[in-house]
Amino acid sequence: MIMIRTGALLAASILAGSLSARDIPDSGLPVSVIVTVAAQKTATQLTVDDVLVSQNRRHMQVTGLEPLQAQSGLQLWLLIDDGSAATLGTQLSDLKKFVLAQPPATQIGIGYMRNGGVQPVQPLTSDRQLAAKALRLPTAMPGISASPYLALASLIRKWPAGPSAREVLMVSSGIDPDYGAGPDNPYLGTAIHAAQRAGIVVYSIYYSAAGRSAHAYMQLFWGQNYLAQLSQETGGELYYLGTENPVSMAPYLDNLSRRLNSQYLLTFLTRPEDKPGFQSVKIKTELPHVTLVGPSQVYVPASQ
């Protein structure tokens, strides 16, 4: 099993350094993001002083850090690519167990990505049995999913913000029939920016598509690259096993459950510019054996 944050497909660097008083702005706009403790050897309870945030190479003041479990629950959408191979049916048992194992405060929605949108077969609900029953086989029709990234962006636009954290698990090959293979996919960019602006973390599990595209090297390569970039830049994780489908998704889903139980709502002051827009951030901790994962960018309103 291979689990990647950036993976061999994409690389990212973490800005090192210690917080100094001259780098902290006198004032700023507060922004909140979800951060995940992705690697640790022992249970760790983080505090504000344990987290360092830099924006455009300047250290920013961290003003809050609260475990998500202490917040108002979680809303989690499970999105399945309707163009996935029919063998995905062998994974439905693992997916149902994952849904049933979620905490009572978690609301779960089940949707199928097709024709550039999401068909919600079960809206967000705290009834885990109801959500699990909504899972079905994909239609396995080649190309029916169209762009999974347009589908994700469409879901985010219709997903009202509230007090609960919002996250997504996508099961897809990542192949985009609308754009094809190659860099700078505009639909991918749209989905990433929509998720970053809404503060939504996206996890993904690679599973092959139905039809000939499932065996085309360039499509496979770029599909996995797209999923890696989507997950990495929103603070999530891509799970994959080369170009093969997993025998069982259970190890992936167990890892995801641990991550969902190891998340914090991080608030820090940003330095606004003359125009609103996305600004790069780096989030890290100097605690040994602890790795933090968060979004690569945040949306900052313009200065007044």
C-alpha atoms as a PDB file:
ATOM      1  CA  MET A   1       0.000   0.000   0.000  1.00  0.00           C
ATOM      2  CA  ILE A   2       1.248   3.456  -0.868  1.00  0.00           C
ATOM      3  CA  MET A   3      -0.152   6.528   0.852  1.00  0.00           C
ATOM      4  CA  ILE A   4       0.989   9.868  -0.489  1.00  0.00           C
ATOM      5  CA  ARG A   5       0.557  13.446   0.541  1.00  0.00           C
ATOM      6  CA  THR A   6       2.581  14.752  -2.367  1.00  0.00           C
ATOM      7  CA  GLY A   7       3.789  11.320  -3.457  1.00  0.00           C
ATOM      8  CA  ALA A   8       6.410  10.569  -6.049  1.00  0.00           C
ATOM      9  CA  LEU A   9       4.192  12.453  -8.448  1.00  0.00           C
ATOM     10  CA  LEU A  10       4.365  15.910  -6.905  1.00  0.00           C
ATOM     11  CA  ALA A  11       6.864  17.557  -4.572  1.00  0.00           C
ATOM     12  CA  ALA A  12       6.507  20.299  -1.981  1.00  0.00           C
ATOM     13  CA  SER A  13       8.870  21.891   0.501  1.00  0.00           C
ATOM     14  CA  ILE A  14       8.190  23.050   4.044  1.00  0.00           C
ATOM     15  CA  LEU A  15       9.620  26.411   5.044  1.00  0.00           C
ATOM     16  CA  ALA A  16      11.778  26.049   8.131  1.00  0.00           C
ATOM     17  CA  GLY A  17      12.473  28.706  10.735  1.00  0.00           C
ATOM     18  CA  SER A  18      11.510  29.942  14.168  1.00  0.00           C
ATOM     19  CA  LEU A  19       8.962  32.598  15.040  1.00  0.00           C
ATOM     20  CA  SER A  20      10.405  36.041  15.749  1.00  0.00           C
ATOM     21  CA  ALA A  21       8.579  39.077  17.094  1.00  0.00           C
ATOM     22  CA  ARG A  22       9.491  41.284  14.127  1.00  0.00           C
ATOM     23  CA  ASP A  23       7.701  38.866  11.764  1.00  0.00           C
ATOM     24  CA  ILE A  24       4.365  39.042  13.585  1.00  0.00           C
ATOM     25  CA  PRO A  25       2.032  41.679  12.126  1.00  0.00           C
ATOM     26  CA  ASP A  26       0.501  44.194  14.530  1.00  0.00           C
ATOM     27  CA  SER A  27      -2.886  43.318  13.080  1.00  0.00           C
ATOM     28  CA  GLY A  28      -4.303  41.056  10.439  1.00  0.00           C
ATOM     29  CA  LEU A  29      -7.329  39.202   9.219  1.00  0.00           C
ATOM     30  CA  PRO A  30      -8.090  35.895  10.959  1.00  0.00           C
ATOM     31  CA  VAL A  31      -8.326  32.792   8.770  1.00  0.00           C
ATOM     32  CA  SER A  32      -9.229  29.296   9.967  1.00  0.00           C
ATOM     33  CA  VAL A  33      -8.144  26.048   8.307  1.00  0.00           C
ATOM     34  CA  ILE A  34      -8.246  22.352   9.145  1.00  0.00           C
ATOM     35  CA  VAL A  35      -4.883  20.775   9.937  1.00  0.00           C
ATOM     36  CA  THR A  36      -4.250  17.069  10.425  1.00  0.00           C
ATOM     37  CA  VAL A  37      -1.661  15.323  12.564  1.00  0.00           C
ATOM     38  CA  ALA A  38      -0.544  12.886   9.874  1.00  0.00           C
ATOM     39  CA  ALA A  39       2.473  11.241  11.513  1.00  0.00           C
ATOM     40  CA  GLN A  40       3.358  10.745  15.146  1.00  0.00           C
ATOM     41  CA  LYS A  41       4.915   8.036  17.288  1.00  0.00           C
ATOM     42  CA  THR A  42       2.914   8.791  20.424  1.00  0.00           C
ATOM     43  CA  ALA A  43      -0.363  10.566  21.135  1.00  0.00           C
ATOM     44  CA  THR A  44       0.236  14.304  21.066  1.00  0.00           C
ATOM     45  CA  GLN A  45      -1.997  17.136  22.252  1.00  0.00           C
ATOM     46  CA  LEU A  46      -0.983  20.240  20.306  1.00  0.00           C
ATOM     47  CA  THR A  47      -1.137  23.788  21.627  1.00  0.00           C
ATOM     48  CA  VAL A  48      -0.955  27.158  19.904  1.00  0.00           C
ATOM     49  CA  ASP A  49       2.742  27.403  20.724  1.00  0.00           C
ATOM     50  CA  ASP A  50       3.463  24.147  18.876  1.00  0.00           C
ATOM     51  CA  VAL A  51       2.356  25.372  15.433  1.00  0.00           C
ATOM     52  CA  LEU A  52       4.224  27.665  13.043  1.00  0.00           C
ATOM     53  CA  VAL A  53       2.492  29.315  10.075  1.00  0.00           C
ATOM     54  CA  SER A  54       4.252  31.286   7.358  1.00  0.00           C
ATOM     55  CA  GLN A  55       2.567  33.321   4.639  1.00  0.00           C
ATOM     56  CA  ASN A  56       4.700  34.325   1.679  1.00  0.00           C
ATOM     57  CA  ARG A  57       7.806  33.562   3.745  1.00  0.00           C
ATOM     58  CA  ARG A  58       6.709  35.652   6.739  1.00  0.00           C
ATOM     59  CA  HIS A  59       5.739  34.024  10.020  1.00  0.00           C
ATOM     60  CA  MET A  60       2.174  34.756  11.072  1.00  0.00           C
ATOM     61  CA  GLN A  61       0.593  34.921  14.504  1.00  0.00           C
ATOM     62  CA  VAL A  62      -1.336  31.802  15.507  1.00  0.00           C
ATOM     63  CA  THR A  63      -4.366  32.802  17.584  1.00  0.00           C
ATOM     64  CA  GLY A  64      -6.276  29.553  18.017  1.00  0.00           C
ATOM     65  CA  LEU A  65      -5.936  25.779  17.866  1.00  0.00           C
ATOM     66  CA  GLU A  66      -8.891  23.599  18.846  1.00  0.00           C
ATOM     67  CA  PRO A  67      -9.402  19.859  18.315  1.00  0.00           C
ATOM     68  CA  LEU A  68     -12.126  19.368  15.712  1.00  0.00           C
ATOM     69  CA  GLN A  69     -13.797  16.848  18.005  1.00  0.00           C
ATOM     70  CA  ALA A  70     -14.509  19.777  20.331  1.00  0.00           C
ATOM     71  CA  GLN A  71     -16.174  21.694  17.507  1.00  0.00           C
ATOM     72  CA  SER A  72     -19.637  21.182  16.027  1.00  0.00           C
ATOM     73  CA  GLY A  73     -19.071  17.871  14.298  1.00  0.00           C
ATOM     74  CA  LEU A  74     -18.099  17.007  10.741  1.00  0.00           C
ATOM     75  CA  GLN A  75     -19.886  16.895   7.409  1.00  0.00           C
ATOM     76  CA  LEU A  76     -18.341  14.261   5.133  1.00  0.00           C
ATOM     77  CA  TRP A  77     -19.318  13.562   1.527  1.00  0.00           C
ATOM     78  CA  LEU A  78     -18.346  10.214   0.014  1.00  0.00           C
ATOM     79  CA  LEU A  79     -18.181  10.715  -3.757  1.00  0.00           C
ATOM     80  CA  ILE A  80     -17.854   7.717  -6.066  1.00  0.00           C
ATOM     81  CA  ASP A  81     -16.997   8.075  -9.744  1.00  0.00           C
ATOM     82  CA  ASP A  82     -19.910   6.520 -11.621  1.00  0.00           C
ATOM     83  CA  GLY A  83     -17.498   5.697 -14.454  1.00  0.00           C
ATOM     84  CA  SER A  84     -15.425   3.421 -12.207  1.00  0.00           C
ATOM     85  CA  ALA A  85     -14.891  -0.205 -13.154  1.00  0.00           C
ATOM     86  CA  ALA A  86     -17.664  -2.525 -12.019  1.00  0.00           C
ATOM     87  CA  THR A  87     -15.157  -4.405  -9.831  1.00  0.00           C
ATOM     88  CA  LEU A  88     -15.574  -1.531  -7.372  1.00  0.00           C
ATOM     89  CA  GLY A  89     -18.482  -3.599  -6.113  1.00  0.00           C
ATOM     90  CA  THR A  90     -15.984  -5.756  -4.229  1.00  0.00           C
ATOM     91  CA  GLN A  91     -15.096  -2.677  -2.156  1.00  0.00           C
ATOM     92  CA  LEU A  92     -18.639  -1.739  -1.111  1.00  0.00           C
ATOM     93  CA  SER A  93     -18.398  -3.807   2.062  1.00  0.00           C
ATOM     94  CA  ASP A  94     -15.314  -1.874   3.219  1.00  0.00           C
ATOM     95  CA  LEU A  95     -16.944   1.444   2.338  1.00  0.00           C
ATOM     96  CA  LYS A  96     -20.081   0.530   4.281  1.00  0.00           C
ATOM     97  CA  LYS A  97     -18.021  -0.457   7.339  1.00  0.00           C
ATOM     98  CA  PHE A  98     -16.225   2.892   7.139  1.00  0.00           C
ATOM     99  CA  VAL A  99     -19.528   4.784   7.010  1.00  0.00           C
ATOM    100  CA  LEU A 100     -20.998   2.811   9.916  1.00  0.00           C
ATOM    101  CA  ALA A 101     -17.879   3.396  12.035  1.00  0.00           C
ATOM    102  CA  GLN A 102     -18.069   7.189  11.929  1.00  0.00           C
ATOM    103  CA  PRO A 103     -18.862   9.054  15.169  1.00  0.00           C
ATOM    104  CA  PRO A 104     -22.492  10.035  15.890  1.00  0.00           C
ATOM    105  CA  ALA A 105     -21.688  13.733  15.405  1.00  0.00           C
ATOM    106  CA  THR A 106     -20.555  13.123  11.809  1.00  0.00           C
ATOM    107  CA  GLN A 107     -23.052  13.733   9.021  1.00  0.00           C
ATOM    108  CA  ILE A 108     -22.407  11.656   5.897  1.00  0.00           C
ATOM    109  CA  GLY A 109     -23.599  12.224   2.341  1.00  0.00           C
ATOM    110  CA  ILE A 110     -23.318   9.719  -0.524  1.00  0.00           C
ATOM    111  CA  GLY A 111     -23.024  10.942  -4.104  1.00  0.00           C
ATOM    112  CA  TYR A 112     -22.033   9.614  -7.532  1.00  0.00           C
ATOM    113  CA  MET A 113     -20.023  11.790  -9.916  1.00  0.00           C
ATOM    114  CA  ARG A 114     -21.407  11.741 -13.437  1.00  0.00           C
ATOM    115  CA  ASN A 115     -21.761  14.137 -16.366  1.00  0.00           C
ATOM    116  CA  GLY A 116     -19.774  16.848 -14.593  1.00  0.00           C
ATOM    117  CA  GLY A 117     -22.020  16.904 -11.529  1.00  0.00           C
ATOM    118  CA  VAL A 118     -22.890  14.894  -8.437  1.00  0.00           C
ATOM    119  CA  GLN A 119     -25.983  12.724  -8.164  1.00  0.00           C
ATOM    120  CA  PRO A 120     -26.718  12.744  -4.410  1.00  0.00           C
ATOM    121  CA  VAL A 121     -28.264   9.383  -3.569  1.00  0.00           C
ATOM    122  CA  GLN A 122     -28.237  10.280   0.127  1.00  0.00           C
ATOM    123  CA  PRO A 123     -28.020  13.888   1.373  1.00  0.00           C
ATOM    124  CA  LEU A 124     -26.020  14.602   4.507  1.00  0.00           C
ATOM    125  CA  THR A 125     -27.419  12.611   7.404  1.00  0.00           C
ATOM    126  CA  SER A 126     -26.395  11.536  10.890  1.00  0.00           C
ATOM    127  CA  ASP A 127     -28.149   8.201  10.264  1.00  0.00           C
ATOM    128  CA  ARG A 128     -25.146   6.069   9.346  1.00  0.00           C
ATOM    129  CA  GLN A 129     -27.315   3.052   8.499  1.00  0.00           C
ATOM    130  CA  LEU A 130     -29.242   5.142   5.985  1.00  0.00           C
ATOM    131  CA  ALA A 131     -26.014   6.399   4.425  1.00  0.00           C
ATOM    132  CA  ALA A 132     -24.521   2.913   4.185  1.00  0.00           C
ATOM    133  CA  LYS A 133     -27.645   1.558   2.468  1.00  0.00           C
ATOM    134  CA  ALA A 134     -27.366   4.235  -0.225  1.00  0.00           C
ATOM    135  CA  LEU A 135     -24.077   2.829  -1.548  1.00  0.00           C
ATOM    136  CA  ARG A 136     -24.502   1.040  -4.875  1.00  0.00           C
ATOM    137  CA  LEU A 137     -22.472  -0.284  -7.777  1.00  0.00           C
ATOM    138  CA  PRO A 138     -21.186   2.329 -10.237  1.00  0.00           C
ATOM    139  CA  THR A 139     -22.828   2.273 -13.648  1.00  0.00           C
ATOM    140  CA  ALA A 140     -19.351   1.527 -15.105  1.00  0.00           C
ATOM    141  CA  MET A 141     -20.126   3.358 -18.353  1.00  0.00           C
ATOM    142  CA  PRO A 142     -16.911   4.778 -19.872  1.00  0.00           C
ATOM    143  CA  GLY A 143     -16.874   8.575 -19.845  1.00  0.00           C
ATOM    144  CA  ILE A 144     -20.104   9.009 -17.882  1.00  0.00           C
ATOM    145  CA  SER A 145     -18.257  10.726 -15.067  1.00  0.00           C
ATOM    146  CA  ALA A 146     -17.018  13.501 -17.392  1.00  0.00           C
ATOM    147  CA  SER A 147     -14.681  15.644 -15.280  1.00  0.00           C
ATOM    148  CA  PRO A 148     -14.637  14.524 -11.624  1.00  0.00           C
ATOM    149  CA  TYR A 149     -13.188  17.947 -10.801  1.00  0.00           C
ATOM    150  CA  LEU A 150     -16.135  19.805 -12.297  1.00  0.00           C
ATOM    151  CA  ALA A 151     -18.357  17.470 -10.280  1.00  0.00           C
ATOM    152  CA  LEU A 152     -16.492  18.286  -7.054  1.00  0.00           C
ATOM    153  CA  ALA A 153     -16.610  22.029  -7.743  1.00  0.00           C
ATOM    154  CA  SER A 154     -20.349  21.753  -8.397  1.00  0.00           C
ATOM    155  CA  LEU A 155     -20.894  20.009  -5.053  1.00  0.00           C
ATOM    156  CA  ILE A 156     -18.892  22.662  -3.199  1.00  0.00           C
ATOM    157  CA  ARG A 157     -20.912  25.500  -4.748  1.00  0.00           C
ATOM    158  CA  LYS A 158     -24.134  23.911  -3.476  1.00  0.00           C
ATOM    159  CA  TRP A 159     -22.757  23.005  -0.025  1.00  0.00           C
ATOM    160  CA  PRO A 160     -23.741  25.712   2.480  1.00  0.00           C
ATOM    161  CA  ALA A 161     -21.194  26.677   5.098  1.00  0.00           C
ATOM    162  CA  GLY A 162     -22.062  26.163   8.745  1.00  0.00           C
ATOM    163  CA  PRO A 163     -20.459  25.484  12.120  1.00  0.00           C
ATOM    164  CA  SER A 164     -19.341  21.964  11.107  1.00  0.00           C
ATOM    165  CA  ALA A 165     -16.049  21.134   9.413  1.00  0.00           C
ATOM    166  CA  ARG A 166     -16.462  19.953   5.802  1.00  0.00           C
ATOM    167  CA  GLU A 167     -14.461  17.175   4.119  1.00  0.00           C
ATOM    168  CA  VAL A 168     -14.722  14.920   1.063  1.00  0.00           C
ATOM    169  CA  LEU A 169     -13.584  11.414   0.182  1.00  0.00           C
ATOM    170  CA  MET A 170     -13.446  10.822  -3.594  1.00  0.00           C
ATOM    171  CA  VAL A 171     -13.126   7.353  -5.125  1.00  0.00           C
ATOM    172  CA  SER A 172     -12.011   7.837  -8.725  1.00  0.00           C
ATOM    173  CA  SER A 173      -9.348   7.126 -11.319  1.00  0.00           C
ATOM    174  CA  GLY A 174      -8.761  10.873 -11.528  1.00  0.00           C
ATOM    175  CA  ILE A 175      -9.006  10.662 -15.325  1.00  0.00           C
ATOM    176  CA  ASP A 176     -10.671  13.747 -16.795  1.00  0.00           C
ATOM    177  CA  PRO A 177     -12.372  12.907 -20.119  1.00  0.00           C
ATOM    178  CA  ASP A 178     -13.319  16.562 -20.615  1.00  0.00           C
ATOM    179  CA  TYR A 179      -9.771  17.931 -20.446  1.00  0.00           C
ATOM    180  CA  GLY A 180      -7.748  14.852 -21.320  1.00  0.00           C
ATOM    181  CA  ALA A 181      -4.166  14.230 -20.210  1.00  0.00           C
ATOM    182  CA  GLY A 182      -1.596  16.928 -19.571  1.00  0.00           C
ATOM    183  CA  PRO A 183      -0.577  19.677 -17.170  1.00  0.00           C
ATOM    184  CA  ASP A 184      -2.525  22.784 -16.132  1.00  0.00           C
ATOM    185  CA  ASN A 185      -5.981  21.224 -16.086  1.00  0.00           C
ATOM    186  CA  PRO A 186      -8.335  24.223 -15.596  1.00  0.00           C
ATOM    187  CA  TYR A 187     -11.094  22.049 -14.125  1.00  0.00           C
ATOM    188  CA  LEU A 188      -8.699  20.699 -11.523  1.00  0.00           C
ATOM    189  CA  GLY A 189      -7.621  24.238 -10.689  1.00  0.00           C
ATOM    190  CA  THR A 190     -11.241  25.287 -10.282  1.00  0.00           C
ATOM    191  CA  ALA A 191     -11.914  22.419  -7.870  1.00  0.00           C
ATOM    192  CA  ILE A 192      -8.781  23.126  -5.800  1.00  0.00           C
ATOM    193  CA  HIS A 193      -9.568  26.824  -5.462  1.00  0.00           C
ATOM    194  CA  ALA A 194     -13.201  26.106  -4.597  1.00  0.00           C
ATOM    195  CA  ALA A 195     -12.135  23.688  -1.850  1.00  0.00           C
ATOM    196  CA  GLN A 196      -9.434  26.002  -0.489  1.00  0.00           C
ATOM    197  CA  ARG A 197     -11.765  28.994  -0.390  1.00  0.00           C
ATOM    198  CA  ALA A 198     -14.448  26.941   1.393  1.00  0.00           C
ATOM    199  CA  GLY A 199     -11.938  25.341   3.786  1.00  0.00           C
ATOM    200  CA  ILE A 200     -12.787  21.835   2.566  1.00  0.00           C
ATOM    201  CA  VAL A 201     -10.264  18.987   2.824  1.00  0.00           C
ATOM    202  CA  VAL A 202     -10.361  16.432  -0.007  1.00  0.00           C
ATOM    203  CA  TYR A 203      -9.138  12.850   0.355  1.00  0.00           C
ATOM    204  CA  SER A 204      -9.019  10.491  -2.597  1.00  0.00           C
ATOM    205  CA  ILE A 205      -8.665   6.782  -3.304  1.00  0.00           C
ATOM    206  CA  TYR A 206      -7.502   5.742  -6.756  1.00  0.00           C
ATOM    207  CA  TYR A 207      -9.694   3.154  -8.466  1.00  0.00           C
ATOM    208  CA  SER A 208      -9.541   2.376 -12.172  1.00  0.00           C
ATOM    209  CA  ALA A 209     -12.095   3.603 -14.677  1.00  0.00           C
ATOM    210  CA  ALA A 210     -14.208   1.445 -16.930  1.00  0.00           C
ATOM    211  CA  GLY A 211     -13.306   1.211 -20.614  1.00  0.00           C
ATOM    212  CA  ARG A 212     -10.118   1.667 -22.647  1.00  0.00           C
ATOM    213  CA  SER A 213      -8.951   4.788 -20.793  1.00  0.00           C
ATOM    214  CA  ALA A 214      -8.268   2.601 -17.751  1.00  0.00           C
ATOM    215  CA  HIS A 215      -5.343   1.053 -19.661  1.00  0.00           C
ATOM    216  CA  ALA A 216      -3.907   4.162 -21.342  1.00  0.00           C
ATOM    217  CA  TYR A 217      -0.637   5.065 -19.630  1.00  0.00           C
ATOM    218  CA  MET A 218      -0.868   8.827 -20.147  1.00  0.00           C
ATOM    219  CA  GLN A 219      -4.427   8.916 -18.825  1.00  0.00           C
ATOM    220  CA  LEU A 220      -3.444   6.862 -15.783  1.00  0.00           C
ATOM    221  CA  PHE A 221      -0.361   8.975 -15.113  1.00  0.00           C
ATOM    222  CA  TRP A 222      -2.164  12.298 -15.258  1.00  0.00           C
ATOM    223  CA  GLY A 223      -5.238  10.996 -13.457  1.00  0.00           C
ATOM    224  CA  GLN A 224      -3.126  10.051 -10.455  1.00  0.00           C
ATOM    225  CA  ASN A 225      -1.208  13.327 -10.687  1.00  0.00           C
ATOM    226  CA  TYR A 226      -4.483  15.246 -10.623  1.00  0.00           C
ATOM    227  CA  LEU A 227      -5.724  13.353  -7.559  1.00  0.00           C
ATOM    228  CA  ALA A 228      -2.371  13.852  -5.820  1.00  0.00           C
ATOM    229  CA  GLN A 229      -2.441  17.586  -6.463  1.00  0.00           C
ATOM    230  CA  LEU A 230      -6.069  17.924  -5.380  1.00  0.00           C
ATOM    231  CA  SER A 231      -5.481  16.134  -2.088  1.00  0.00           C
ATOM    232  CA  GLN A 232      -2.119  17.681  -1.327  1.00  0.00           C
ATOM    233  CA  GLU A 233      -3.205  21.274  -1.916  1.00  0.00           C
ATOM    234  CA  THR A 234      -6.368  20.960   0.170  1.00  0.00           C
ATOM    235  CA  GLY A 235      -4.670  19.232   3.110  1.00  0.00           C
ATOM    236  CA  GLY A 236      -5.865  15.700   2.345  1.00  0.00           C
ATOM    237  CA  GLU A 237      -4.269  12.453   1.202  1.00  0.00           C
ATOM    238  CA  LEU A 238      -4.220  10.292  -1.916  1.00  0.00           C
ATOM    239  CA  TYR A 239      -4.279   6.535  -1.377  1.00  0.00           C
ATOM    240  CA  TYR A 240      -3.172   4.325  -4.243  1.00  0.00           C
ATOM    241  CA  LEU A 241      -1.366   1.108  -5.116  1.00  0.00           C
ATOM    242  CA  GLY A 242       0.512   1.889  -8.297  1.00  0.00           C
ATOM    243  CA  THR A 243      -1.845   1.406 -11.230  1.00  0.00           C
ATOM    244  CA  GLU A 244      -3.516  -1.613  -9.619  1.00  0.00           C
ATOM    245  CA  ASN A 245      -6.777  -1.578  -7.741  1.00  0.00           C
ATOM    246  CA  PRO A 246      -6.507  -2.405  -4.042  1.00  0.00           C
ATOM    247  CA  VAL A 247      -7.556  -5.859  -2.920  1.00  0.00           C
ATOM    248  CA  SER A 248      -9.212  -4.119   0.012  1.00  0.00           C
ATOM    249  CA  MET A 249      -9.781  -0.452   0.811  1.00  0.00           C
ATOM    250  CA  ALA A 250      -9.910  -1.237   4.527  1.00  0.00           C
ATOM    251  CA  PRO A 251      -6.284  -0.137   5.262  1.00  0.00           C
ATOM    252  CA  TYR A 252      -6.883   3.160   3.454  1.00  0.00           C
ATOM    253  CA  LEU A 253     -10.162   3.774   5.252  1.00  0.00           C
ATOM    254  CA  ASP A 254      -8.657   2.873   8.634  1.00  0.00           C
ATOM    255  CA  ASN A 255      -5.901   5.405   8.040  1.00  0.00           C
ATOM    256  CA  LEU A 256      -8.448   8.018   7.014  1.00  0.00           C
ATOM    257  CA  SER A 257     -10.498   7.392  10.168  1.00  0.00           C
ATOM    258  CA  ARG A 258      -7.395   7.973  12.280  1.00  0.00           C
ATOM    259  CA  ARG A 259      -6.723  11.213  10.439  1.00  0.00           C
ATOM    260  CA  LEU A 260     -10.280  12.429  10.915  1.00  0.00           C
ATOM    261  CA  ASN A 261      -9.816  11.844  14.648  1.00  0.00           C
ATOM    262  CA  SER A 262      -6.515  13.778  14.676  1.00  0.00           C
ATOM    263  CA  GLN A 263      -7.571  17.134  13.278  1.00  0.00           C
ATOM    264  CA  TYR A 264      -7.531  20.684  14.589  1.00  0.00           C
ATOM    265  CA  LEU A 265      -9.137  23.958  13.634  1.00  0.00           C
ATOM    266  CA  LEU A 266      -6.191  26.325  13.281  1.00  0.00           C
ATOM    267  CA  THR A 267      -6.725  30.099  13.285  1.00  0.00           C
ATOM    268  CA  PHE A 268      -4.021  32.608  12.393  1.00  0.00           C
ATOM    269  CA  LEU A 269      -3.737  36.224  11.303  1.00  0.00           C
ATOM    270  CA  THR A 270      -3.115  36.818   7.616  1.00  0.00           C
ATOM    271  CA  ARG A 271      -1.573  39.833   5.942  1.00  0.00           C
ATOM    272  CA  PRO A 272      -4.128  41.161   3.407  1.00  0.00           C
ATOM    273  CA  GLU A 273      -3.108  42.642   0.069  1.00  0.00           C
ATOM    274  CA  ASP A 274      -4.705  45.431  -1.973  1.00  0.00           C
ATOM    275  CA  LYS A 275      -6.769  42.859  -3.847  1.00  0.00           C
ATOM    276  CA  PRO A 276      -8.452  39.707  -2.547  1.00  0.00           C
ATOM    277  CA  GLY A 277      -6.913  36.426  -3.585  1.00  0.00           C
ATOM    278  CA  PHE A 278      -5.114  33.245  -2.651  1.00  0.00           C
ATOM    279  CA  GLN A 279      -1.904  33.392  -0.679  1.00  0.00           C
ATOM    280  CA  SER A 280       0.533  30.554  -0.076  1.00  0.00           C
ATOM    281  CA  VAL A 281       0.913  29.262   3.479  1.00  0.00           C
ATOM    282  CA  LYS A 282       3.179  26.718   5.119  1.00  0.00           C
ATOM    283  CA  ILE A 283       2.078  24.998   8.320  1.00  0.00           C
ATOM    284  CA  LYS A 284       4.486  23.002  10.457  1.00  0.00           C
ATOM    285  CA  THR A 285       5.457  22.051  13.977  1.00  0.00           C
ATOM    286  CA  GLU A 286       8.863  21.655  15.556  1.00  0.00           C
ATOM    287  CA  LEU A 287       7.665  18.840  17.809  1.00  0.00           C
ATOM    288  CA  PRO A 288       9.684  15.680  17.118  1.00  0.00           C
ATOM    289  CA  HIS A 289       8.025  12.848  15.195  1.00  0.00           C
ATOM    290  CA  VAL A 290       4.947  14.957  14.418  1.00  0.00           C
ATOM    291  CA  THR A 291       3.887  16.018  10.925  1.00  0.00           C
ATOM    292  CA  LEU A 292       1.113  18.500  10.225  1.00  0.00           C
ATOM    293  CA  VAL A 293      -0.811  18.599   6.952  1.00  0.00           C
ATOM    294  CA  GLY A 294      -2.890  21.560   5.808  1.00  0.00           C
ATOM    295  CA  PRO A 295      -3.865  23.471   2.672  1.00  0.00           C
ATOM    296  CA  SER A 296      -1.185  25.025   0.493  1.00  0.00           C
ATOM    297  CA  GLN A 297      -3.143  28.271   0.045  1.00  0.00           C
ATOM    298  CA  VAL A 298      -5.779  30.324   1.834  1.00  0.00           C
ATOM    299  CA  TYR A 299      -8.142  32.919   0.448  1.00  0.00           C
ATOM    300  CA  VAL A 300      -7.545  36.349   1.982  1.00  0.00           C
ATOM    301  CA  PRO A 301      -9.947  39.292   1.501  1.00  0.00           C
ATOM    302  CA  ALA A 302      -8.545  42.630   0.412  1.00  0.00           C
ATOM    303  CA  SER A 303      -7.270  45.117   2.965  1.00  0.00           C
ATOM    304  CA  GLN A 304      -9.718  47.880   3.835  1.00  0.00           C
END
